[in-house]
Amino acid sequence: MNATLLAVLLCLAAAVAYAAAAVAQERLARRGVARSTAALLGNSAWWWSAGLNAAAALLHAAALRYGPLTLVQPLGALTLVAAVPLGARGAGRRVVATEWRGTLATVVGLGLLLLPASGPGPAETLTLAEALTVSAATAGVIIMLTARKDTRSGLRHATASGLASAAASALTQTVALAAGRGGALLSFRVVSVALLVVVFAVGGMLLSQRAYRGGLGAPLAVVNLTNPLAAAAIGMILLGERIQGGVLGVLLAVLGALAAARGVLLLTRTPQQPPPLSAPVSAPVAPRARVAA
């Protein structure tokens, strides 16, 4: 099977698993379970969502073995597309027309992005110094984003989650390529990078859990926009990845990014709860007659 096609199929499976986990996490946040880490660790539903996240991460790592970051990361936006019907069903409502339009725009935009990004499989990996630099820079930005607590902290936590996921993906590619090459798997560099992957993957999941306190749509959209942009920057700056097709490829990528961004914005305009049922109007109750003593 073609390596690019295999990477796309693995990304699709990962997107469905990530979407199911996100819907489960949002429900926990809505019920107030996510107020503390101790409450999460004692909740079986959270462990189920963590298992889904772990399965999705393994599929994502496999995709990074066969496709470059510039191809694999944009497909992460399909998580939002999959989460729309899953979230609607969980909220007891139907998917509305705006959501279908957003889904279509996102899919078309991703298609345009994939054309110039579908280059050869990854060949370069991060050195230990590059991995530590990426990790330190990402951690610093995450700390700045999550330091303040205000009405916009949910979207800042979502941005931080997207950055953590992008760093984890870039680091995962180094481990995945080393696993494919055999001998270097247990080297100090690969083991160190693998530990950083665990830190950023778990951190990204906890950050997204906090972001979902304000609902699913907007935070998940921010995660899915931040993640591929940050990962693409890492891939182009440190891994030698490039957009294919010259000027035409860049133009397609820009059009695709605009269409996908429009689709994501439409998908954020979704009710998180079913509309409240109107209370039935009851007939007035006649006052009871007082019995004279």
Protein backbone atom coordinates (compact mmCIF):
# COMPACT_ATOMS: atom_id res chain seq x y z
CA MET A 1 0.00 0.00 0.00
CA ASN A 2 1.18 3.54 -0.78
CA ALA A 3 2.78 5.14 2.32
CA THR A 4 0.79 8.37 1.97
CA LEU A 5 -2.52 6.50 1.70
CA LEU A 6 -1.63 4.40 4.75
CA ALA A 7 -0.81 7.55 6.72
CA VAL A 8 -4.18 9.08 5.76
CA LEU A 9 -6.11 5.95 6.79
CA LEU A 10 -4.32 5.82 10.14
CA CYS A 11 -5.10 9.51 10.64
CA LEU A 12 -8.80 8.90 9.98
CA ALA A 13 -8.91 6.13 12.59
CA ALA A 14 -7.04 8.34 15.07
CA ALA A 15 -9.47 11.23 14.44
CA VAL A 16 -12.49 9.08 15.30
CA ALA A 17 -10.84 7.86 18.52
CA TYR A 18 -9.79 11.39 19.50
CA ALA A 19 -13.32 12.66 18.79
CA ALA A 20 -14.93 10.02 21.00
CA ALA A 21 -12.46 10.85 23.77
CA ALA A 22 -13.13 14.59 23.44
CA VAL A 23 -16.91 14.10 23.68
CA ALA A 24 -16.42 11.95 26.79
CA GLN A 25 -14.12 14.55 28.36
CA GLU A 26 -16.56 17.36 27.61
CA ARG A 27 -19.37 15.45 29.33
CA LEU A 28 -17.20 14.98 32.42
CA ALA A 29 -16.35 18.70 32.42
CA ARG A 30 -20.03 19.63 32.06
CA ARG A 31 -20.91 17.41 35.02
CA GLY A 32 -18.24 19.08 37.16
CA VAL A 33 -16.06 15.96 37.45
CA ALA A 34 -13.03 17.82 36.02
CA ARG A 35 -12.70 20.26 38.91
CA SER A 36 -9.68 18.43 40.30
CA THR A 37 -7.15 15.85 39.12
CA ALA A 38 -8.05 13.59 42.06
CA ALA A 39 -11.71 13.53 40.97
CA LEU A 40 -10.69 12.60 37.42
CA LEU A 41 -8.41 9.78 38.54
CA GLY A 42 -11.23 8.31 40.62
CA ASN A 43 -13.72 8.35 37.74
CA SER A 44 -14.00 5.27 35.50
CA ALA A 45 -15.43 7.31 32.59
CA TRP A 46 -12.30 9.45 32.57
CA TRP A 47 -10.11 6.35 32.35
CA TRP A 48 -12.22 5.23 29.40
CA SER A 49 -11.56 8.57 27.66
CA ALA A 50 -7.87 8.27 28.55
CA GLY A 51 -7.81 4.82 26.94
CA LEU A 52 -9.37 6.23 23.78
CA ASN A 53 -6.77 9.00 23.76
CA ALA A 54 -4.00 6.43 24.16
CA ALA A 55 -5.35 4.34 21.25
CA ALA A 56 -5.63 7.47 19.10
CA ALA A 57 -2.06 8.45 20.02
CA LEU A 58 -0.76 5.04 18.90
CA LEU A 59 -2.59 5.36 15.56
CA HIS A 60 -1.25 8.89 15.20
CA ALA A 61 2.29 7.69 15.93
CA ALA A 62 1.92 5.02 13.26
CA ALA A 63 0.74 7.67 10.78
CA LEU A 64 3.83 9.75 11.54
CA ARG A 65 5.93 6.71 10.61
CA TYR A 66 4.60 6.90 7.04
CA GLY A 67 3.71 10.57 6.48
CA PRO A 68 5.36 13.95 7.13
CA LEU A 69 4.12 16.36 9.80
CA THR A 70 2.80 18.72 7.11
CA LEU A 71 0.49 15.91 5.94
CA VAL A 72 -0.47 14.19 9.20
CA GLN A 73 -1.20 17.21 11.41
CA PRO A 74 -3.81 18.95 9.19
CA LEU A 75 -5.81 15.72 9.19
CA GLY A 76 -6.20 16.17 12.93
CA ALA A 77 -8.97 18.68 12.13
CA LEU A 78 -11.09 15.67 11.18
CA THR A 79 -11.40 15.10 14.93
CA LEU A 80 -13.72 18.10 15.04
CA VAL A 81 -15.71 16.78 12.06
CA ALA A 82 -16.18 13.41 13.81
CA ALA A 83 -16.97 15.07 17.14
CA VAL A 84 -19.90 17.05 15.70
CA PRO A 85 -22.32 14.11 15.21
CA LEU A 86 -21.01 12.33 18.30
CA GLY A 87 -21.49 15.44 20.44
CA ALA A 88 -24.92 16.12 18.98
CA ARG A 89 -26.06 12.59 19.70
CA GLY A 90 -24.75 12.80 23.25
CA ALA A 91 -26.61 16.09 23.77
CA GLY A 92 -29.84 14.60 22.45
CA ARG A 93 -30.19 16.81 19.39
CA ARG A 94 -29.78 16.70 15.61
CA VAL A 95 -26.86 18.08 13.63
CA VAL A 96 -27.96 21.48 12.30
CA ALA A 97 -27.38 22.90 8.79
CA THR A 98 -24.55 25.19 9.95
CA GLU A 99 -22.65 22.18 11.22
CA TRP A 100 -23.05 20.33 7.90
CA ARG A 101 -21.73 23.40 6.05
CA GLY A 102 -18.82 23.61 8.44
CA THR A 103 -18.07 19.93 7.93
CA LEU A 104 -18.08 20.32 4.14
CA ALA A 105 -15.83 23.40 4.25
CA THR A 106 -13.41 21.64 6.58
CA VAL A 107 -13.19 18.53 4.40
CA VAL A 108 -12.69 20.58 1.21
CA GLY A 109 -10.05 22.72 2.92
CA LEU A 110 -8.21 19.66 4.17
CA GLY A 111 -8.30 18.19 0.67
CA LEU A 112 -6.65 21.31 -0.74
CA LEU A 113 -4.07 21.24 2.05
CA LEU A 114 -3.26 17.57 1.42
CA LEU A 115 -2.44 18.03 -2.28
CA PRO A 116 0.75 20.08 -1.75
CA ALA A 117 1.56 18.33 1.55
CA SER A 118 1.57 14.82 0.09
CA GLY A 119 5.31 14.64 -0.39
CA PRO A 120 7.74 11.82 0.37
CA GLY A 121 7.71 10.08 3.72
CA PRO A 122 9.70 11.55 6.60
CA ALA A 123 13.46 11.03 6.58
CA GLU A 124 14.85 13.52 9.13
CA THR A 125 14.51 13.22 12.90
CA LEU A 126 15.13 15.68 15.71
CA THR A 127 18.51 15.64 17.40
CA LEU A 128 18.49 15.55 21.21
CA ALA A 129 19.41 19.26 21.32
CA GLU A 130 16.55 20.12 18.94
CA ALA A 131 14.11 17.98 20.92
CA LEU A 132 15.10 19.70 24.17
CA THR A 133 14.83 23.13 22.53
CA VAL A 134 11.34 22.39 21.16
CA SER A 135 10.27 21.03 24.55
CA ALA A 136 11.60 24.01 26.51
CA ALA A 137 10.08 26.56 24.14
CA THR A 138 6.69 24.78 24.14
CA ALA A 139 6.67 24.45 27.92
CA GLY A 140 7.47 28.15 28.31
CA VAL A 141 4.61 29.23 26.06
CA ILE A 142 2.20 26.82 27.81
CA ILE A 143 3.11 28.28 31.22
CA MET A 144 2.47 31.83 29.96
CA LEU A 145 -0.88 30.82 28.43
CA THR A 146 -2.19 29.06 31.54
CA ALA A 147 -0.86 31.43 34.22
CA ARG A 148 -3.85 33.80 34.14
CA LYS A 149 -7.36 32.83 35.22
CA ASP A 150 -10.18 34.76 33.56
CA THR A 151 -13.15 34.29 31.24
CA ARG A 152 -10.87 33.44 28.29
CA SER A 153 -8.77 30.88 30.15
CA GLY A 154 -10.64 28.03 28.43
CA LEU A 155 -9.45 29.07 24.98
CA ARG A 156 -5.94 29.68 26.29
CA HIS A 157 -5.92 26.17 27.76
CA ALA A 158 -7.10 24.89 24.37
CA THR A 159 -4.24 26.73 22.64
CA ALA A 160 -1.79 25.27 25.15
CA SER A 161 -3.23 21.81 24.53
CA GLY A 162 -2.75 22.23 20.77
CA LEU A 163 0.88 23.29 21.30
CA ALA A 164 1.53 20.33 23.59
CA SER A 165 0.02 17.94 21.04
CA ALA A 166 2.11 19.45 18.23
CA ALA A 167 5.31 19.05 20.25
CA ALA A 168 4.34 15.48 21.15
CA SER A 169 3.75 14.69 17.46
CA ALA A 170 7.10 16.12 16.36
CA LEU A 171 8.88 14.16 19.10
CA THR A 172 6.85 11.03 18.31
CA GLN A 173 8.04 11.08 14.72
CA THR A 174 11.63 10.78 15.95
CA VAL A 175 10.72 7.72 18.05
CA ALA A 176 8.61 6.18 15.27
CA LEU A 177 11.38 6.47 12.68
CA ALA A 178 13.91 5.06 15.14
CA ALA A 179 11.61 2.09 15.78
CA GLY A 180 11.42 1.45 12.04
CA ARG A 181 15.20 1.47 11.76
CA GLY A 182 15.78 -1.04 14.54
CA GLY A 183 19.11 -0.63 16.32
CA ALA A 184 18.77 2.96 17.57
CA LEU A 185 15.51 2.34 19.47
CA LEU A 186 17.14 2.00 22.91
CA SER A 187 19.65 4.81 22.47
CA PHE A 188 19.81 7.57 25.08
CA ARG A 189 18.40 10.09 22.59
CA VAL A 190 15.36 8.02 21.63
CA VAL A 191 14.53 7.04 25.22
CA SER A 192 14.82 10.68 26.33
CA VAL A 193 12.58 11.84 23.48
CA ALA A 194 10.04 9.09 24.28
CA LEU A 195 9.79 10.35 27.87
CA LEU A 196 9.16 13.87 26.58
CA VAL A 197 6.41 12.47 24.32
CA VAL A 198 4.65 11.02 27.37
CA VAL A 199 4.93 14.32 29.26
CA PHE A 200 3.46 16.40 26.43
CA ALA A 201 0.80 13.84 25.48
CA VAL A 202 -0.54 13.59 29.04
CA GLY A 203 -0.19 17.34 29.55
CA GLY A 204 -2.11 18.03 26.35
CA MET A 205 -4.94 15.74 27.44
CA LEU A 206 -5.23 17.39 30.88
CA LEU A 207 -5.12 20.88 29.33
CA SER A 208 -7.92 20.00 26.90
CA GLN A 209 -9.97 18.57 29.78
CA ARG A 210 -9.79 21.95 31.51
CA ALA A 211 -10.60 23.76 28.28
CA TYR A 212 -13.82 21.75 27.80
CA ARG A 213 -15.38 23.31 30.91
CA GLY A 214 -16.76 26.00 28.60
CA GLY A 215 -18.15 23.52 26.04
CA LEU A 216 -16.76 21.33 23.27
CA GLY A 217 -16.96 23.29 19.99
CA ALA A 218 -14.72 26.35 20.42
CA PRO A 219 -11.96 24.70 22.51
CA LEU A 220 -11.75 21.68 20.19
CA ALA A 221 -11.62 24.01 17.18
CA VAL A 222 -8.76 25.98 18.73
CA VAL A 223 -6.87 22.76 19.50
CA ASN A 224 -7.29 21.57 15.92
CA LEU A 225 -6.09 24.88 14.46
CA THR A 226 -3.11 25.35 16.79
CA ASN A 227 -1.84 21.78 16.51
CA PRO A 228 -1.17 21.59 12.73
CA LEU A 229 0.17 25.15 12.52
CA ALA A 230 2.71 24.56 15.28
CA ALA A 231 3.64 21.11 13.96
CA ALA A 232 4.07 22.44 10.41
CA ALA A 233 6.41 25.14 11.74
CA ILE A 234 8.51 22.49 13.51
CA GLY A 235 8.53 20.27 10.42
CA MET A 236 9.61 23.05 8.07
CA ILE A 237 12.17 24.67 10.38
CA LEU A 238 13.83 21.57 11.86
CA LEU A 239 12.91 18.56 9.70
CA GLY A 240 13.38 19.97 6.22
CA GLU A 241 9.75 19.41 5.18
CA ARG A 242 8.43 21.54 2.34
CA ILE A 243 5.19 22.32 0.57
CA GLN A 244 5.19 20.56 -2.82
CA GLY A 245 4.30 22.21 -6.16
CA GLY A 246 6.03 25.56 -5.85
CA VAL A 247 3.85 28.68 -6.07
CA LEU A 248 0.76 26.66 -7.03
CA GLY A 249 1.26 24.40 -4.03
CA VAL A 250 1.53 27.37 -1.69
CA LEU A 251 -1.62 28.89 -3.22
CA LEU A 252 -3.55 25.64 -2.74
CA ALA A 253 -2.33 25.40 0.84
CA VAL A 254 -3.45 28.96 1.59
CA LEU A 255 -6.89 28.40 0.02
CA GLY A 256 -7.21 25.13 1.89
CA ALA A 257 -6.24 26.75 5.17
CA LEU A 258 -8.82 29.52 4.68
CA ALA A 259 -11.57 27.03 3.79
CA ALA A 260 -10.70 24.79 6.74
CA ALA A 261 -10.60 27.77 9.10
CA ARG A 262 -14.03 28.87 7.85
CA GLY A 263 -15.35 25.36 8.38
CA VAL A 264 -13.94 25.18 11.89
CA LEU A 265 -15.51 28.53 12.78
CA LEU A 266 -18.89 27.31 11.52
CA LEU A 267 -18.52 24.13 13.55
CA THR A 268 -17.96 26.13 16.72
CA ARG A 269 -21.43 27.67 16.38
CA THR A 270 -23.17 24.66 17.77
CA PRO A 271 -25.51 24.31 20.75
CA GLN A 272 -23.93 22.29 23.50
CA GLN A 273 -27.23 21.36 25.13
CA PRO A 274 -30.61 20.36 23.73
CA PRO A 275 -33.15 23.21 23.86
CA PRO A 276 -35.02 23.22 27.16
CA LEU A 277 -38.48 21.78 27.06
CA SER A 278 -41.22 24.27 27.85
CA ALA A 279 -42.94 23.49 31.09
CA PRO A 280 -46.54 22.39 30.66
CA VAL A 281 -49.12 24.93 31.70
CA SER A 282 -51.19 23.49 34.49
CA ALA A 283 -54.70 24.58 35.33
CA PRO A 284 -54.94 26.89 38.32
CA VAL A 285 -55.81 25.12 41.52
CA ALA A 286 -58.77 26.52 43.32
CA PRO A 287 -58.03 27.53 46.89
CA ARG A 288 -59.29 25.09 49.47
CA ALA A 289 -62.21 26.31 51.49
CA ARG A 290 -61.48 26.87 55.13
CA VAL A 291 -63.65 24.87 57.47
CA ALA A 292 -65.03 26.90 60.33
CA ALA A 293 -64.20 25.57 63.73
